[in-house]
Each structure stands twice: as structure tokens, then as C-alpha cells.
Protein backbone atom coordinates (compact mmCIF):
# COMPACT_ATOMS: atom_id res chain seq x y z
CA UNK A 1 -21.64 -25.80 2.96
CA UNK A 2 -19.22 -23.54 1.09
CA UNK A 3 -18.70 -19.82 1.70
CA UNK A 4 -16.65 -17.11 0.04
CA UNK A 5 -14.35 -15.09 2.29
CA UNK A 6 -12.98 -11.95 0.65
CA UNK A 7 -10.10 -10.48 2.62
CA UNK A 8 -8.86 -6.88 2.42
CA UNK A 9 -9.98 -6.20 -1.13
CA UNK A 10 -9.52 -2.49 -0.51
CA UNK A 11 -8.48 0.49 -2.63
CA UNK A 12 -5.30 1.12 -0.63
CA UNK A 13 -3.73 -2.11 -1.83
CA UNK A 14 -3.44 -0.59 -5.28
CA UNK A 15 -1.01 2.01 -3.90
CA UNK A 16 2.09 0.11 -4.97
CA UNK A 17 4.65 2.70 -3.83
CA UNK A 18 3.62 2.28 -0.19
CA UNK A 19 4.23 -1.48 -0.21
CA UNK A 20 7.12 -1.92 -2.64
CA UNK A 21 7.92 -1.20 -6.25
CA UNK A 22 5.71 -3.75 -8.00
CA UNK A 23 2.58 -5.82 -7.53
CA UNK A 24 1.65 -8.86 -9.58
CA UNK A 25 -1.86 -9.92 -10.64
CA UNK A 26 -3.35 -6.52 -11.47
CA UNK A 27 -6.59 -8.39 -12.24
CA UNK A 28 -6.91 -9.85 -8.71
CA UNK A 29 -9.74 -7.52 -7.65
CA UNK A 30 -11.70 -8.21 -10.83
CA UNK A 31 -11.36 -11.96 -10.24
CA UNK A 32 -12.57 -11.43 -6.68
CA UNK A 33 -15.55 -9.66 -8.24
CA UNK A 34 -16.23 -12.61 -10.55
CA UNK A 35 -16.21 -14.97 -7.56
CA UNK A 36 -18.48 -12.65 -5.62
CA UNK A 37 -20.95 -12.43 -8.49
CA UNK A 38 -21.10 -16.24 -8.79
CA UNK A 39 -21.62 -16.72 -5.05
CA UNK A 40 -24.34 -14.07 -4.99
CA UNK A 41 -26.13 -15.48 -8.04
CA UNK A 42 -26.13 -18.95 -6.50
CA UNK A 43 -27.04 -17.72 -3.01
CA UNK A 44 -23.90 -19.05 -1.32
CA UNK A 45 -22.80 -17.23 1.83
CA UNK A 46 -20.34 -14.37 1.43
CA UNK A 47 -18.18 -12.80 4.14
CA UNK A 48 -16.05 -9.67 3.77
CA UNK A 49 -13.02 -8.80 5.87
CA UNK A 50 -11.64 -5.27 6.04
CA UNK A 51 -8.26 -4.19 7.38
CA UNK A 52 -8.19 -1.04 9.49
CA UNK A 53 -4.50 -0.21 9.81
CA UNK A 54 -3.35 1.39 13.05
CA UNK A 55 -0.52 3.14 11.14
CA UNK A 56 -1.54 6.73 10.33
CA UNK A 57 0.49 6.73 7.10
CA UNK A 58 -1.00 3.51 5.79
CA UNK A 59 -3.40 3.67 2.84
CA UNK A 60 -5.56 1.25 4.87
CA UNK A 61 -5.93 3.56 7.87
CA UNK A 62 -9.66 4.25 8.48
CA UNK A 63 -9.09 7.97 7.82
CA UNK A 64 -7.91 7.28 4.25
CA UNK A 65 -9.88 6.66 1.07
CA UNK A 66 -7.77 3.53 0.58
CA UNK A 67 -9.62 1.93 3.50
CA UNK A 68 -12.71 1.64 1.29
CA UNK A 69 -13.58 -1.59 -0.48
CA UNK A 70 -12.66 -1.92 -4.15
CA UNK A 71 -15.77 -1.27 -6.32
CA UNK A 72 -15.58 -4.83 -7.71
CA UNK A 73 -16.37 -6.28 -4.29
CA UNK A 74 -18.47 -3.68 -2.53
CA UNK A 75 -20.46 -5.55 0.16
CA UNK A 76 -24.22 -5.70 -0.02
CA UNK A 77 -26.25 -4.79 3.05
CA UNK A 78 -26.92 -8.46 3.90
CA UNK A 79 -23.27 -9.55 3.62
CA UNK A 80 -21.37 -9.48 6.91
CA UNK A 81 -18.23 -7.35 7.16
CA UNK A 82 -15.59 -8.17 9.76
CA UNK A 83 -13.10 -5.43 10.62
CA UNK A 84 -9.62 -6.24 11.88
CA UNK A 85 -6.33 -4.49 12.59
CA UNK A 86 -4.01 -7.49 12.44
CA UNK A 87 -2.99 -9.73 9.54
CA UNK A 88 -5.38 -12.58 10.34
CA UNK A 89 -9.11 -12.51 9.55
CA UNK A 90 -9.89 -14.70 12.57
CA UNK A 91 -8.06 -12.71 15.27
CA UNK A 92 -10.23 -10.14 17.02
CA UNK A 93 -13.29 -10.89 14.86
CA UNK A 94 -16.31 -13.18 15.10
CA UNK A 95 -15.62 -14.74 11.69
CA UNK A 96 -15.00 -18.26 13.00
CA UNK A 97 -18.14 -18.33 15.15
CA UNK A 98 -20.31 -16.95 12.32
CA UNK A 99 -18.98 -19.55 9.89
CA UNK A 100 -19.53 -22.40 12.33
CA UNK A 101 -22.99 -21.12 13.30
CA UNK A 102 -23.97 -21.47 9.63
CA UNK A 103 -22.47 -24.98 9.39
CA UNK A 104 -19.90 -23.81 6.87
CA UNK A 105 -17.13 -26.36 6.40
CA UNK A 106 -15.52 -25.23 3.13
CA UNK A 107 -14.02 -21.82 2.47
CA UNK A 108 -13.06 -20.18 -0.79
CA UNK A 109 -10.57 -17.48 0.15
CA UNK A 110 -9.49 -14.58 -2.06
CA UNK A 111 -8.23 -11.05 -1.56
CA UNK A 112 -5.04 -9.25 -0.67
CA UNK A 113 -2.18 -9.76 -0.11
CA UNK A 114 -0.97 -13.32 -0.25
CA UNK A 115 2.16 -12.68 1.80
CA UNK A 116 0.25 -11.04 4.64
CA UNK A 117 -3.42 -11.44 5.47
CA UNK A 118 -4.20 -14.17 2.96
CA UNK A 119 -1.40 -16.47 4.13
CA UNK A 120 -2.15 -15.88 7.82
CA UNK A 121 -5.89 -16.39 7.34
CA UNK A 122 -5.57 -19.48 5.11
CA UNK A 123 -3.28 -21.14 7.65
CA UNK A 124 -5.61 -20.29 10.53
CA UNK A 125 -8.71 -21.44 8.64
CA UNK A 126 -7.05 -24.76 7.93
CA UNK A 127 -5.91 -25.11 11.54
CA UNK A 128 -9.49 -24.41 12.67
CA UNK A 129 -10.67 -27.36 10.57
CA UNK A 130 -12.06 -25.64 7.48
CA UNK A 131 -11.40 -27.13 4.04
CA UNK A 132 -9.80 -24.19 2.21
CA UNK A 133 -9.54 -23.37 -1.47
CA UNK A 134 -7.29 -20.41 -2.24
CA UNK A 135 -7.97 -18.72 -5.57
CA UNK A 136 -4.54 -17.97 -7.02
CA UNK A 137 -5.46 -15.30 -9.55
CA UNK A 138 -7.75 -13.55 -7.07
CA UNK A 139 -4.84 -12.55 -4.85
CA UNK A 140 -1.55 -10.75 -5.39
CA UNK A 141 1.84 -9.98 -3.85
CA UNK A 142 4.24 -7.06 -3.62
CA UNK A 143 7.99 -7.26 -4.07
CA UNK A 144 10.15 -7.39 -0.93
CA UNK A 145 13.69 -6.83 0.26
CA UNK A 146 14.80 -9.98 2.09
CA UNK A 147 16.59 -10.26 5.42
CA UNK A 148 19.78 -10.59 3.39
CA UNK A 149 19.22 -7.29 1.57
CA UNK A 150 18.42 -9.02 -1.71
CA UNK A 151 15.36 -7.97 -3.70
CA UNK A 152 12.61 -10.53 -4.34
CA UNK A 153 10.11 -9.81 -7.10
CA UNK A 154 6.37 -9.86 -6.56
CA UNK A 155 6.18 -13.00 -8.72
CA UNK A 156 8.77 -14.81 -6.57
CA UNK A 157 6.97 -13.82 -3.35
CA UNK A 158 3.62 -14.84 -4.88
CA UNK A 159 4.72 -18.26 -6.10
CA UNK A 160 6.65 -18.98 -2.89
CA UNK A 161 3.54 -18.30 -0.82
CA UNK A 162 1.40 -20.51 -3.06
CA UNK A 163 3.98 -23.29 -2.75
CA UNK A 164 4.00 -22.95 1.05
CA UNK A 165 0.20 -23.07 1.33
CA UNK A 166 -0.42 -25.79 -1.28
CA UNK A 167 -1.74 -29.11 0.05
CA UNK A 168 -0.92 -28.61 3.74
CA UNK A 169 -3.21 -25.60 4.21
CA UNK A 170 -5.22 -25.19 1.01
CA UNK A 171 -6.10 -26.46 -2.41
CA UNK A 172 -4.95 -23.91 -4.98
CA UNK A 173 -7.18 -23.16 -7.98
CA UNK A 174 -7.59 -20.28 -10.39
CA UNK A 175 -10.87 -18.43 -10.83
CA UNK A 176 -11.91 -20.10 -14.07
CA UNK A 177 -11.25 -23.64 -12.81
CA UNK A 178 -13.08 -23.05 -9.55
CA UNK A 179 -16.11 -21.44 -11.17
CA UNK A 180 -16.34 -24.27 -13.72
CA UNK A 181 -16.17 -26.88 -10.95
CA UNK A 182 -18.79 -25.09 -8.84
CA UNK A 183 -21.07 -24.71 -11.86
CA UNK A 184 -20.86 -28.44 -12.59
CA UNK A 185 -21.64 -29.34 -8.98
CA UNK A 186 -25.24 -28.11 -9.33
């Protein structure tokens, strides 16, 4: 069985200035919403993960409006929400046990950001034995300053992460391709 896992699709991850100077894939949340709509319409399981930062200044701190889910992916009452305060959706949550209790073997993972919680969670999911599909245009990255002091654009960070996760930890597909494939599988 296949499930959708939406990770940290929260308002605070639109606050670019806190995380860097640029973010790629401005349509990531909308693509997460498209995936969510398809999974709901076809009655596939959906799981939401929410990051509760322990840093008071973070837009994702529970006291901030940025901690709220993006409107495109607001959970429904029957969709489980797992709250975490680390960069891995499986650490400190019951996500793994809930997935296994429902005999879920395949995960479609989307959300924010690829260089943090998405990468950590995709790797862990794969290591736990799940077959993972990462939806490339339903995630995004921020620019970074490297250990060497050199700037790395959001696009470079994004594509480097996809290259690192490809094949060993996940199959990479875009929203349109995945939805077309899922539609044909019925």
C-alpha cells in the first residue's frame, strides 16, 4: 500500500530571509496540495508531519504563525499529524509504527526543505525498508554559505540533494509524472 507523507509544509518556510536569501520552487506547496488532493480523492492514506522548532526566533516555533500548516495542505480531522522538533520525521514520533500497522510499504514524500527534513526523512524511510518516491517539484531548498565561505544557490543545493538521494534512497519524480502513473495504475 502507498501513503503520502507531507513534511513541514508550514507557513514559516516561506520566510526566506530567516533561512537565506533565496528559495527555489515557489510552487512547492501548491504541488504538495495537488498530491494531497489526489490521495484524498482516491482514499489513499495521508500523514502530515509538523516541525515545532525549539528556537524562539524561528518562524517554526509553536508560538509563531509560521508554525501553522500552509493552506494548500491543511490536514483534515481524520489525517494523522506527527509533531517533531528534530530534522527527521521518524525520530521522536510514532510515524514508523503507524505506517507499518497499516501495512504501508511505499511512501510518496513531499514537503520542505530538501536539505533538512526531507533529506533526513527520505534516508531514514529507505533505511527502515520503505520504497520511497520523492516528488522533486513538491519540495524546495534555500541558498547556503558553505564551510569554505562560498555561496551556493538554492538551485545548486536543491539539485545536489536530489542527486544524493536518487536511486540509493528514493526514486525521484515530478508531480505530473507521479500523478499520471498513479492514475494509470487504477
